[in-house]
Every structure is written in structure tokens, then in C-alpha cells.
Amino acid sequence: MNMTPDCNPTELNIEPPYLPLAELRITGTEVHYAVLCPRKLWWYTHGMEQEHSSENEGAESVALGQQLHERAYPQQPRKDILIDGLIRLDFTDDGQVHEIKKSKGGERASRLQLLYYLYYLKHVKGIETTGVLDYPDQKRRETVTLTPALEVEIEKIIAIVHAIRRQEAPPIVEKPFSLCPRCSYQDLCWG
């Protein structure tokens, strides 16, 4: 499998068995990981959550992201809105869904995670809205809109998440990605 970080998951050549919406039981984290790295997704979906271990650089990055989330947009009365135990919206404002990120690294994965939230809200809750990727440290925002073409891409990613969950072993990745040295799963993948 020839992939790069922030890859195009549709290049995995997994034919999506499009799932009924009743079976739409994946998280935004799983969508994010599906775009970044199939191995990271596999480890995560098989109970190997490394990002909160104090022994790796990935955990430090997660902690910094959590601190940013806590201090950014203090005027927002409701943050961390959990819907159906699956998706966690950072906050909503003027009818838009906001996702707070600390940097542009993994920008495509962040965008698709937010698009998944918009997809879920539309198809499961009947709510059509737009999203905003917020980069408070950079004082930058990006508006994200779910289009029919992006819905197809999200459906493929959903199918890929389910396919990777069903695998008995992590997907093979031939060589480390540029994100691997900062990944909390590096030791599991590359020793």
C-alpha cells in the first residue's frame, strides 16, 4: 500500500459496501485517523489508545490541543457537545459547527472530520448546516460546506473505517510517513 500522511483514503482500493445509516456508528477521531494513517486507525479501533500515554510525543501534542481547546473562545457557553455518543462538536455558533485545531498539520484530515460531522447531522439528525475550522493561534478560519461530491467521499471513508476495523491485523504500510516521528503509535508500528 503506497500512502503518504494525510493520504487520500479512496486510494486504499477498498470497495465501500455503503452502510445503512442505522449502522453509522463511527467517531470523528476514526475519520481523522482513516485519512492520516490506516495503521493508526487500526490500533485505535482495536483498543490501543496511545495518545494519552505520558511516554510519547504524540501525547504531548494531544495535551497541547486540549489546552488550546479550553482557552480558545471563552465566550462560547457550550463546548464539547456530544451527539449520540459518537460525534463531539467543539462548539456551535450562528448555526455553524466549529472544530478547533492547533495547526494546519493534518488539515485535510481535519476538514474531512468536520465534513463527517456535517454529513452525520444532515443524514441522521436532519440538520443541514456549514462548518468552520478554527485555528485560533493563527487567527484563521476556514468555512467548510458539504457538497454532493464530498458526501460521496465521506461515504467512502466510512466504508474504509469499517473495513479497517474488521481486519485481523494492522494494514501494511511499507515505510514510515513524515508524521510518524511525532505519532503516539510510532513504537507499535516501527519499534
N, C-alpha and C. Protein backbone atom coordinates (compact mmCIF):
# COMPACT_ATOMS: atom_id res chain seq x y z
N MET A 1 0.86 -1.16 0.00
CA MET A 1 0.00 0.00 0.00
C MET A 1 0.91 1.22 0.00
N ASN A 2 0.82 2.05 -0.99
CA ASN A 2 1.66 3.24 -1.08
C ASN A 2 0.84 4.44 -0.67
N MET A 3 1.12 4.96 0.52
CA MET A 3 0.33 6.07 1.04
C MET A 3 1.26 7.10 1.64
N THR A 4 0.78 8.30 1.77
CA THR A 4 1.52 9.35 2.44
C THR A 4 0.63 9.89 3.54
N PRO A 5 1.20 10.60 4.52
CA PRO A 5 0.36 11.18 5.56
C PRO A 5 -0.68 12.09 4.94
N ASP A 6 -1.83 12.14 5.59
CA ASP A 6 -2.92 12.95 5.09
C ASP A 6 -3.25 12.47 3.68
N CYS A 7 -3.26 11.13 3.56
CA CYS A 7 -3.45 10.50 2.26
C CYS A 7 -4.89 10.62 1.80
N ASN A 8 -5.12 10.19 0.59
CA ASN A 8 -6.48 10.11 0.07
C ASN A 8 -6.97 8.70 0.35
N PRO A 9 -7.86 8.51 1.33
CA PRO A 9 -8.25 7.15 1.71
C PRO A 9 -8.93 6.39 0.59
N THR A 10 -9.44 7.08 -0.41
CA THR A 10 -10.07 6.37 -1.52
C THR A 10 -9.03 5.64 -2.35
N GLU A 11 -7.73 5.93 -2.15
CA GLU A 11 -6.67 5.23 -2.85
C GLU A 11 -6.35 3.88 -2.22
N LEU A 12 -7.02 3.52 -1.14
CA LEU A 12 -6.77 2.24 -0.49
C LEU A 12 -7.34 1.07 -1.29
N ASN A 13 -8.12 1.36 -2.32
CA ASN A 13 -8.73 0.34 -3.16
C ASN A 13 -9.61 -0.63 -2.39
N ILE A 14 -10.30 -0.13 -1.38
CA ILE A 14 -11.29 -0.92 -0.66
C ILE A 14 -12.64 -0.51 -1.22
N GLU A 15 -13.33 -1.46 -1.78
CA GLU A 15 -14.64 -1.14 -2.33
C GLU A 15 -15.62 -0.92 -1.18
N PRO A 16 -16.21 0.24 -1.12
CA PRO A 16 -17.09 0.53 0.01
C PRO A 16 -18.43 -0.19 -0.08
N PRO A 17 -18.73 -1.01 0.90
CA PRO A 17 -20.08 -1.55 0.99
C PRO A 17 -20.91 -0.52 1.75
N TYR A 18 -21.48 0.44 1.04
CA TYR A 18 -22.15 1.56 1.69
C TYR A 18 -23.15 1.05 2.72
N LEU A 19 -23.03 1.59 3.90
CA LEU A 19 -23.78 1.09 5.05
C LEU A 19 -25.09 1.82 5.21
N PRO A 20 -26.11 1.13 5.71
CA PRO A 20 -27.35 1.83 6.06
C PRO A 20 -27.04 2.83 7.17
N LEU A 21 -27.75 3.93 7.16
CA LEU A 21 -27.49 4.97 8.16
C LEU A 21 -27.66 4.46 9.59
N ALA A 22 -28.50 3.47 9.79
CA ALA A 22 -28.67 2.91 11.13
C ALA A 22 -27.37 2.31 11.65
N GLU A 23 -26.46 1.94 10.75
CA GLU A 23 -25.19 1.36 11.15
C GLU A 23 -24.05 2.38 11.15
N LEU A 24 -24.40 3.63 11.04
CA LEU A 24 -23.40 4.70 11.00
C LEU A 24 -22.91 4.96 12.42
N ARG A 25 -21.99 4.11 12.86
CA ARG A 25 -21.51 4.18 14.24
C ARG A 25 -20.00 4.35 14.26
N ILE A 26 -19.51 5.49 13.75
CA ILE A 26 -18.09 5.78 13.82
C ILE A 26 -17.91 7.17 14.40
N THR A 27 -16.73 7.43 14.90
CA THR A 27 -16.44 8.71 15.53
C THR A 27 -15.65 9.62 14.59
N GLY A 28 -15.61 10.88 14.94
CA GLY A 28 -14.80 11.82 14.18
C GLY A 28 -13.32 11.47 14.25
N THR A 29 -12.87 10.95 15.38
CA THR A 29 -11.47 10.53 15.52
C THR A 29 -11.16 9.43 14.52
N GLU A 30 -12.07 8.50 14.34
CA GLU A 30 -11.84 7.42 13.38
C GLU A 30 -11.75 7.96 11.95
N VAL A 31 -12.57 8.92 11.61
CA VAL A 31 -12.50 9.54 10.29
C VAL A 31 -11.14 10.23 10.13
N HIS A 32 -10.75 10.99 11.14
CA HIS A 32 -9.47 11.70 11.11
C HIS A 32 -8.31 10.72 10.89
N TYR A 33 -8.29 9.63 11.66
CA TYR A 33 -7.23 8.65 11.55
C TYR A 33 -7.26 7.92 10.21
N ALA A 34 -8.45 7.67 9.67
CA ALA A 34 -8.56 7.00 8.37
C ALA A 34 -7.85 7.80 7.29
N VAL A 35 -7.90 9.11 7.41
CA VAL A 35 -7.26 9.97 6.42
C VAL A 35 -5.76 10.07 6.68
N LEU A 36 -5.36 10.11 7.94
CA LEU A 36 -3.94 10.24 8.27
C LEU A 36 -3.16 8.97 8.03
N CYS A 37 -3.66 7.84 8.57
CA CYS A 37 -2.88 6.61 8.50
C CYS A 37 -3.77 5.41 8.86
N PRO A 38 -3.84 4.40 7.99
CA PRO A 38 -4.69 3.24 8.28
C PRO A 38 -4.22 2.44 9.49
N ARG A 39 -2.92 2.42 9.73
CA ARG A 39 -2.41 1.67 10.89
C ARG A 39 -2.84 2.35 12.20
N LYS A 40 -2.74 3.66 12.23
CA LYS A 40 -3.15 4.41 13.42
C LYS A 40 -4.63 4.14 13.71
N LEU A 41 -5.43 4.13 12.65
CA LEU A 41 -6.85 3.80 12.81
C LEU A 41 -7.03 2.40 13.34
N TRP A 42 -6.30 1.44 12.82
CA TRP A 42 -6.46 0.05 13.26
C TRP A 42 -6.10 -0.08 14.74
N TRP A 43 -4.95 0.49 15.15
CA TRP A 43 -4.55 0.41 16.56
C TRP A 43 -5.64 1.02 17.44
N TYR A 44 -6.13 2.19 17.05
CA TYR A 44 -7.14 2.90 17.84
C TYR A 44 -8.43 2.09 17.96
N THR A 45 -8.89 1.53 16.84
CA THR A 45 -10.16 0.79 16.87
C THR A 45 -10.04 -0.57 17.54
N HIS A 46 -8.81 -0.99 17.80
CA HIS A 46 -8.60 -2.26 18.50
C HIS A 46 -8.12 -2.04 19.93
N GLY A 47 -8.48 -0.89 20.49
CA GLY A 47 -8.27 -0.64 21.91
C GLY A 47 -6.88 -0.19 22.31
N MET A 48 -6.04 0.14 21.36
CA MET A 48 -4.67 0.56 21.69
C MET A 48 -4.60 2.09 21.61
N GLU A 49 -5.22 2.75 22.57
CA GLU A 49 -5.21 4.21 22.57
C GLU A 49 -3.92 4.69 23.22
N GLN A 50 -3.06 5.28 22.43
CA GLN A 50 -1.74 5.71 22.88
C GLN A 50 -1.66 7.20 23.17
N GLU A 51 -2.61 7.96 22.71
CA GLU A 51 -2.47 9.40 22.72
C GLU A 51 -2.52 10.03 24.11
N HIS A 52 -2.89 9.28 25.11
CA HIS A 52 -2.93 9.84 26.45
C HIS A 52 -1.85 9.24 27.35
N SER A 53 -0.95 8.47 26.74
CA SER A 53 0.18 7.92 27.46
C SER A 53 1.22 9.03 27.63
N SER A 54 1.75 9.18 28.81
CA SER A 54 2.69 10.27 29.06
C SER A 54 4.08 10.00 28.50
N GLU A 55 4.28 8.87 27.87
CA GLU A 55 5.61 8.47 27.44
C GLU A 55 5.91 8.76 25.99
N ASN A 56 5.09 9.57 25.30
CA ASN A 56 5.40 9.81 23.90
C ASN A 56 5.05 11.23 23.48
N GLU A 57 5.67 11.64 22.38
CA GLU A 57 5.48 13.00 21.87
C GLU A 57 4.05 13.24 21.40
N GLY A 58 3.40 12.19 20.90
CA GLY A 58 2.02 12.33 20.44
C GLY A 58 1.10 12.74 21.59
N ALA A 59 1.34 12.21 22.78
CA ALA A 59 0.54 12.57 23.94
C ALA A 59 0.71 14.04 24.29
N GLU A 60 1.94 14.55 24.14
CA GLU A 60 2.19 15.96 24.41
C GLU A 60 1.41 16.84 23.43
N SER A 61 1.37 16.44 22.19
CA SER A 61 0.62 17.18 21.17
C SER A 61 -0.87 17.19 21.49
N VAL A 62 -1.39 16.05 21.93
CA VAL A 62 -2.80 15.97 22.31
C VAL A 62 -3.08 16.88 23.50
N ALA A 63 -2.20 16.88 24.49
CA ALA A 63 -2.38 17.73 25.67
C ALA A 63 -2.38 19.21 25.28
N LEU A 64 -1.48 19.60 24.37
CA LEU A 64 -1.45 20.99 23.90
C LEU A 64 -2.74 21.34 23.17
N GLY A 65 -3.26 20.42 22.39
CA GLY A 65 -4.52 20.64 21.69
C GLY A 65 -5.68 20.81 22.67
N GLN A 66 -5.67 20.02 23.73
CA GLN A 66 -6.73 20.13 24.75
C GLN A 66 -6.64 21.47 25.48
N GLN A 67 -5.44 21.93 25.76
CA GLN A 67 -5.27 23.23 26.41
C GLN A 67 -5.77 24.35 25.51
N LEU A 68 -5.46 24.27 24.22
CA LEU A 68 -5.93 25.26 23.26
C LEU A 68 -7.46 25.28 23.24
N HIS A 69 -8.04 24.09 23.21
CA HIS A 69 -9.49 23.98 23.17
C HIS A 69 -10.14 24.63 24.39
N GLU A 70 -9.51 24.45 25.56
CA GLU A 70 -10.05 25.01 26.79
C GLU A 70 -9.95 26.53 26.85
N ARG A 71 -8.86 27.09 26.31
CA ARG A 71 -8.68 28.54 26.41
C ARG A 71 -9.25 29.31 25.23
N ALA A 72 -9.43 28.66 24.09
CA ALA A 72 -9.93 29.35 22.90
C ALA A 72 -11.44 29.59 23.02
N TYR A 73 -11.88 30.71 22.57
CA TYR A 73 -13.29 31.06 22.51
C TYR A 73 -13.99 30.94 23.87
N PRO A 74 -13.46 31.62 24.90
CA PRO A 74 -14.07 31.52 26.23
C PRO A 74 -15.49 32.06 26.28
N GLN A 75 -15.87 32.87 25.31
CA GLN A 75 -17.22 33.45 25.28
C GLN A 75 -18.28 32.42 24.86
N GLN A 76 -17.86 31.27 24.37
CA GLN A 76 -18.82 30.25 23.95
C GLN A 76 -19.36 29.52 25.18
N PRO A 77 -20.68 29.59 25.40
CA PRO A 77 -21.23 28.98 26.61
C PRO A 77 -21.21 27.45 26.58
N ARG A 78 -21.34 26.86 25.40
CA ARG A 78 -21.38 25.39 25.31
C ARG A 78 -20.26 24.91 24.42
N LYS A 79 -19.40 24.09 24.98
CA LYS A 79 -18.35 23.44 24.21
C LYS A 79 -18.48 21.94 24.41
N ASP A 80 -17.84 21.20 23.54
CA ASP A 80 -17.85 19.74 23.65
C ASP A 80 -19.27 19.18 23.68
N ILE A 81 -19.99 19.39 22.61
CA ILE A 81 -21.36 18.92 22.51
C ILE A 81 -21.33 17.50 21.95
N LEU A 82 -21.65 16.51 22.77
CA LEU A 82 -21.62 15.11 22.37
C LEU A 82 -22.98 14.72 21.81
N ILE A 83 -22.97 14.16 20.62
CA ILE A 83 -24.21 13.76 19.94
C ILE A 83 -24.18 12.25 19.73
N ASP A 84 -25.17 11.57 20.26
CA ASP A 84 -25.36 10.13 20.10
C ASP A 84 -24.14 9.31 20.56
N GLY A 85 -23.33 9.89 21.44
CA GLY A 85 -22.14 9.19 21.92
C GLY A 85 -21.09 8.98 20.84
N LEU A 86 -21.23 9.65 19.69
CA LEU A 86 -20.33 9.43 18.55
C LEU A 86 -19.55 10.65 18.13
N ILE A 87 -20.22 11.75 17.96
CA ILE A 87 -19.53 12.94 17.46
C ILE A 87 -19.53 14.01 18.55
N ARG A 88 -18.39 14.67 18.65
CA ARG A 88 -18.23 15.70 19.67
C ARG A 88 -17.91 17.01 18.96
N LEU A 89 -18.91 17.91 18.96
CA LEU A 89 -18.74 19.21 18.33
C LEU A 89 -18.01 20.11 19.31
N ASP A 90 -16.98 20.80 18.83
CA ASP A 90 -16.24 21.69 19.72
C ASP A 90 -17.16 22.79 20.23
N PHE A 91 -17.89 23.44 19.31
CA PHE A 91 -18.95 24.36 19.70
C PHE A 91 -19.76 24.72 18.47
N THR A 92 -20.91 25.33 18.70
CA THR A 92 -21.73 25.84 17.61
C THR A 92 -21.92 27.34 17.82
N ASP A 93 -22.05 28.05 16.72
CA ASP A 93 -22.24 29.50 16.79
C ASP A 93 -22.95 29.93 15.51
N ASP A 94 -24.01 30.68 15.65
CA ASP A 94 -24.79 31.16 14.50
C ASP A 94 -25.17 30.01 13.56
N GLY A 95 -25.49 28.86 14.14
CA GLY A 95 -25.93 27.72 13.35
C GLY A 95 -24.82 26.96 12.66
N GLN A 96 -23.57 27.32 12.89
CA GLN A 96 -22.45 26.62 12.29
C GLN A 96 -21.75 25.74 13.32
N VAL A 97 -21.20 24.64 12.83
CA VAL A 97 -20.44 23.71 13.66
C VAL A 97 -18.97 24.12 13.58
N HIS A 98 -18.32 24.28 14.74
CA HIS A 98 -16.93 24.70 14.79
C HIS A 98 -16.04 23.55 15.28
N GLU A 99 -14.89 23.41 14.65
CA GLU A 99 -13.88 22.45 15.04
C GLU A 99 -12.59 23.23 15.26
N ILE A 100 -12.05 23.17 16.49
CA ILE A 100 -10.85 23.92 16.85
C ILE A 100 -9.62 23.03 16.61
N LYS A 101 -8.64 23.58 15.91
CA LYS A 101 -7.39 22.86 15.65
C LYS A 101 -6.22 23.76 15.98
N LYS A 102 -5.10 23.15 16.39
CA LYS A 102 -3.95 23.97 16.79
C LYS A 102 -3.05 24.35 15.63
N SER A 103 -3.06 23.57 14.56
CA SER A 103 -2.20 23.90 13.44
C SER A 103 -2.78 23.34 12.15
N LYS A 104 -2.15 23.69 11.05
CA LYS A 104 -2.59 23.23 9.74
C LYS A 104 -2.14 21.81 9.45
N GLY A 105 -1.31 21.23 10.30
CA GLY A 105 -0.88 19.85 10.09
C GLY A 105 -2.09 18.93 10.09
N GLY A 106 -2.17 18.06 9.11
CA GLY A 106 -3.33 17.19 9.01
C GLY A 106 -4.58 17.93 8.61
N GLU A 107 -4.41 19.02 7.86
CA GLU A 107 -5.55 19.88 7.52
C GLU A 107 -6.63 19.12 6.75
N ARG A 108 -6.22 18.26 5.82
CA ARG A 108 -7.21 17.50 5.05
C ARG A 108 -8.00 16.57 5.97
N ALA A 109 -7.31 15.92 6.91
CA ALA A 109 -7.98 15.03 7.85
C ALA A 109 -8.95 15.82 8.73
N SER A 110 -8.54 17.02 9.15
CA SER A 110 -9.41 17.87 9.97
C SER A 110 -10.65 18.29 9.18
N ARG A 111 -10.45 18.65 7.93
CA ARG A 111 -11.57 19.08 7.09
C ARG A 111 -12.56 17.92 6.90
N LEU A 112 -12.04 16.72 6.62
CA LEU A 112 -12.93 15.58 6.41
C LEU A 112 -13.62 15.15 7.71
N GLN A 113 -12.96 15.32 8.84
CA GLN A 113 -13.61 15.05 10.13
C GLN A 113 -14.80 15.98 10.31
N LEU A 114 -14.61 17.26 10.03
CA LEU A 114 -15.70 18.22 10.14
C LEU A 114 -16.79 17.92 9.12
N LEU A 115 -16.42 17.54 7.92
CA LEU A 115 -17.41 17.17 6.91
C LEU A 115 -18.21 15.94 7.35
N TYR A 116 -17.55 15.01 8.03
CA TYR A 116 -18.28 13.86 8.57
C TYR A 116 -19.33 14.33 9.58
N TYR A 117 -18.99 15.27 10.44
CA TYR A 117 -19.97 15.80 11.38
C TYR A 117 -21.16 16.40 10.63
N LEU A 118 -20.88 17.16 9.59
CA LEU A 118 -21.96 17.77 8.80
C LEU A 118 -22.80 16.69 8.13
N TYR A 119 -22.15 15.66 7.62
CA TYR A 119 -22.84 14.53 7.00
C TYR A 119 -23.75 13.84 8.02
N TYR A 120 -23.21 13.56 9.19
CA TYR A 120 -23.98 12.89 10.25
C TYR A 120 -25.19 13.73 10.65
N LEU A 121 -24.95 15.01 10.86
CA LEU A 121 -26.05 15.90 11.25
C LEU A 121 -27.14 15.92 10.17
N LYS A 122 -26.74 15.96 8.93
CA LYS A 122 -27.70 16.01 7.82
C LYS A 122 -28.50 14.70 7.71
N HIS A 123 -27.79 13.58 7.67
CA HIS A 123 -28.44 12.30 7.37
C HIS A 123 -29.04 11.60 8.58
N VAL A 124 -28.57 11.89 9.76
CA VAL A 124 -29.10 11.22 10.95
C VAL A 124 -30.03 12.14 11.73
N LYS A 125 -29.69 13.42 11.80
CA LYS A 125 -30.47 14.36 12.61
C LYS A 125 -31.34 15.29 11.78
N GLY A 126 -31.18 15.29 10.46
CA GLY A 126 -31.98 16.16 9.61
C GLY A 126 -31.60 17.63 9.70
N ILE A 127 -30.36 17.90 10.08
CA ILE A 127 -29.88 19.28 10.24
C ILE A 127 -28.85 19.57 9.15
N GLU A 128 -29.14 20.53 8.30
CA GLU A 128 -28.17 20.94 7.28
C GLU A 128 -27.55 22.26 7.71
N THR A 129 -26.24 22.25 7.78
CA THR A 129 -25.51 23.43 8.22
C THR A 129 -24.13 23.44 7.57
N THR A 130 -23.35 24.44 7.90
CA THR A 130 -21.97 24.51 7.43
C THR A 130 -21.06 24.37 8.64
N GLY A 131 -19.78 24.25 8.37
CA GLY A 131 -18.81 24.11 9.44
C GLY A 131 -17.71 25.14 9.31
N VAL A 132 -16.97 25.31 10.39
CA VAL A 132 -15.84 26.23 10.41
C VAL A 132 -14.68 25.53 11.11
N LEU A 133 -13.55 25.46 10.40
CA LEU A 133 -12.31 25.02 11.03
C LEU A 133 -11.67 26.26 11.63
N ASP A 134 -11.46 26.24 12.92
CA ASP A 134 -10.88 27.39 13.63
C ASP A 134 -9.45 27.07 14.03
N TYR A 135 -8.54 27.98 13.68
CA TYR A 135 -7.14 27.91 14.07
C TYR A 135 -6.86 29.15 14.91
N PRO A 136 -7.23 29.15 16.19
CA PRO A 136 -7.14 30.37 17.00
C PRO A 136 -5.73 30.93 17.14
N ASP A 137 -4.73 30.09 17.24
CA ASP A 137 -3.37 30.60 17.39
C ASP A 137 -2.89 31.31 16.13
N GLN A 138 -3.45 30.94 15.00
CA GLN A 138 -3.09 31.57 13.73
C GLN A 138 -4.10 32.65 13.33
N LYS A 139 -5.13 32.80 14.17
CA LYS A 139 -6.20 33.77 13.88
C LYS A 139 -6.74 33.56 12.46
N ARG A 140 -7.05 32.29 12.18
CA ARG A 140 -7.51 31.92 10.85
C ARG A 140 -8.73 31.00 10.97
N ARG A 141 -9.64 31.13 10.02
CA ARG A 141 -10.83 30.29 9.95
C ARG A 141 -11.05 29.85 8.51
N GLU A 142 -11.61 28.68 8.36
CA GLU A 142 -11.96 28.17 7.04
C GLU A 142 -13.39 27.63 7.10
N THR A 143 -14.25 28.14 6.24
CA THR A 143 -15.62 27.64 6.17
C THR A 143 -15.65 26.38 5.34
N VAL A 144 -16.40 25.38 5.81
CA VAL A 144 -16.49 24.08 5.16
C VAL A 144 -17.95 23.80 4.84
N THR A 145 -18.22 23.44 3.59
CA THR A 145 -19.58 23.15 3.15
C THR A 145 -19.64 21.74 2.58
N LEU A 146 -20.64 20.99 2.98
CA LEU A 146 -20.85 19.63 2.49
C LEU A 146 -21.53 19.68 1.13
N THR A 147 -20.86 19.17 0.11
CA THR A 147 -21.42 19.12 -1.24
C THR A 147 -21.75 17.66 -1.58
N PRO A 148 -22.52 17.41 -2.64
CA PRO A 148 -22.78 16.01 -3.03
C PRO A 148 -21.49 15.22 -3.29
N ALA A 149 -20.51 15.83 -3.93
CA ALA A 149 -19.24 15.13 -4.19
C ALA A 149 -18.52 14.79 -2.88
N LEU A 150 -18.55 15.71 -1.93
CA LEU A 150 -17.92 15.45 -0.63
C LEU A 150 -18.70 14.40 0.17
N GLU A 151 -20.01 14.34 -0.01
CA GLU A 151 -20.79 13.29 0.64
C GLU A 151 -20.34 11.92 0.17
N VAL A 152 -20.07 11.78 -1.12
CA VAL A 152 -19.57 10.51 -1.66
C VAL A 152 -18.21 10.17 -1.04
N GLU A 153 -17.35 11.18 -0.92
CA GLU A 153 -16.04 10.95 -0.31
C GLU A 153 -16.19 10.51 1.15
N ILE A 154 -17.09 11.14 1.88
CA ILE A 154 -17.33 10.77 3.28
C ILE A 154 -17.86 9.34 3.36
N GLU A 155 -18.77 8.97 2.46
CA GLU A 155 -19.30 7.60 2.47
C GLU A 155 -18.19 6.58 2.21
N LYS A 156 -17.25 6.90 1.35
CA LYS A 156 -16.12 6.00 1.11
C LYS A 156 -15.25 5.88 2.36
N ILE A 157 -15.02 6.99 3.04
CA ILE A 157 -14.21 6.96 4.26
C ILE A 157 -14.92 6.14 5.34
N ILE A 158 -16.23 6.29 5.45
CA ILE A 158 -17.00 5.49 6.42
C ILE A 158 -16.80 4.00 6.13
N ALA A 159 -16.88 3.62 4.86
CA ALA A 159 -16.69 2.22 4.48
C ALA A 159 -15.27 1.77 4.79
N ILE A 160 -14.30 2.62 4.57
CA ILE A 160 -12.89 2.30 4.85
C ILE A 160 -12.69 2.09 6.35
N VAL A 161 -13.30 2.93 7.18
CA VAL A 161 -13.20 2.76 8.63
C VAL A 161 -13.74 1.38 9.02
N HIS A 162 -14.90 1.01 8.50
CA HIS A 162 -15.47 -0.30 8.84
C HIS A 162 -14.60 -1.44 8.32
N ALA A 163 -14.02 -1.29 7.13
CA ALA A 163 -13.15 -2.34 6.58
C ALA A 163 -11.90 -2.51 7.43
N ILE A 164 -11.30 -1.41 7.85
CA ILE A 164 -10.08 -1.49 8.68
C ILE A 164 -10.42 -2.05 10.06
N ARG A 165 -11.56 -1.70 10.61
CA ARG A 165 -11.98 -2.27 11.90
C ARG A 165 -12.05 -3.79 11.84
N ARG A 166 -12.51 -4.33 10.69
CA ARG A 166 -12.71 -5.78 10.55
C ARG A 166 -11.41 -6.54 10.32
N GLN A 167 -10.33 -5.86 9.97
CA GLN A 167 -9.07 -6.56 9.70
C GLN A 167 -8.52 -7.17 10.98
N GLU A 168 -7.90 -8.34 10.83
CA GLU A 168 -7.34 -9.04 11.99
C GLU A 168 -6.01 -8.47 12.43
N ALA A 169 -5.32 -7.79 11.53
CA ALA A 169 -4.00 -7.21 11.84
C ALA A 169 -3.94 -5.82 11.23
N PRO A 170 -3.02 -5.00 11.72
CA PRO A 170 -2.91 -3.64 11.16
C PRO A 170 -2.58 -3.70 9.66
N PRO A 171 -3.10 -2.76 8.88
CA PRO A 171 -2.75 -2.70 7.46
C PRO A 171 -1.24 -2.51 7.30
N ILE A 172 -0.71 -3.05 6.23
CA ILE A 172 0.72 -2.93 5.96
C ILE A 172 1.01 -1.55 5.37
N VAL A 173 1.97 -0.88 5.94
CA VAL A 173 2.47 0.38 5.41
C VAL A 173 3.96 0.14 5.18
N GLU A 174 4.42 0.34 3.96
CA GLU A 174 5.76 -0.08 3.58
C GLU A 174 6.88 0.70 4.24
N LYS A 175 6.67 1.99 4.49
CA LYS A 175 7.73 2.78 5.12
C LYS A 175 7.07 3.88 5.95
N PRO A 176 7.80 4.41 6.92
CA PRO A 176 7.22 5.46 7.78
C PRO A 176 6.83 6.70 6.98
N PHE A 177 5.79 7.36 7.45
CA PHE A 177 5.35 8.63 6.90
C PHE A 177 6.12 9.75 7.60
N SER A 178 6.02 10.93 7.07
CA SER A 178 6.69 12.07 7.72
C SER A 178 6.08 12.38 9.08
N LEU A 179 4.84 11.99 9.32
CA LEU A 179 4.21 12.25 10.63
C LEU A 179 4.58 11.21 11.67
N CYS A 180 5.16 10.10 11.26
CA CYS A 180 5.44 9.00 12.19
C CYS A 180 6.30 9.39 13.40
N PRO A 181 7.37 10.18 13.25
CA PRO A 181 8.18 10.51 14.43
C PRO A 181 7.40 11.23 15.54
N ARG A 182 6.31 11.91 15.19
CA ARG A 182 5.51 12.64 16.19
C ARG A 182 4.26 11.86 16.60
N CYS A 183 4.08 10.69 16.04
CA CYS A 183 2.86 9.91 16.28
C CYS A 183 2.99 9.08 17.57
N SER A 184 1.92 9.04 18.34
CA SER A 184 1.93 8.28 19.58
C SER A 184 1.94 6.76 19.33
N TYR A 185 1.71 6.34 18.10
CA TYR A 185 1.71 4.92 17.77
C TYR A 185 3.02 4.47 17.12
N GLN A 186 4.01 5.35 17.06
CA GLN A 186 5.26 5.04 16.37
C GLN A 186 5.91 3.76 16.87
N ASP A 187 5.98 3.57 18.16
CA ASP A 187 6.64 2.38 18.70
C ASP A 187 5.90 1.11 18.31
N LEU A 188 4.57 1.16 18.24
CA LEU A 188 3.81 -0.02 17.84
C LEU A 188 4.07 -0.37 16.38
N CYS A 189 4.22 0.65 15.55
CA CYS A 189 4.40 0.42 14.11
C CYS A 189 5.84 0.11 13.72
N TRP A 190 6.77 0.86 14.28
CA TRP A 190 8.13 0.80 13.78
C TRP A 190 9.16 0.37 14.84
N GLY A 191 8.69 0.08 16.06
CA GLY A 191 9.56 -0.43 17.11
C GLY A 191 10.50 0.49 17.70
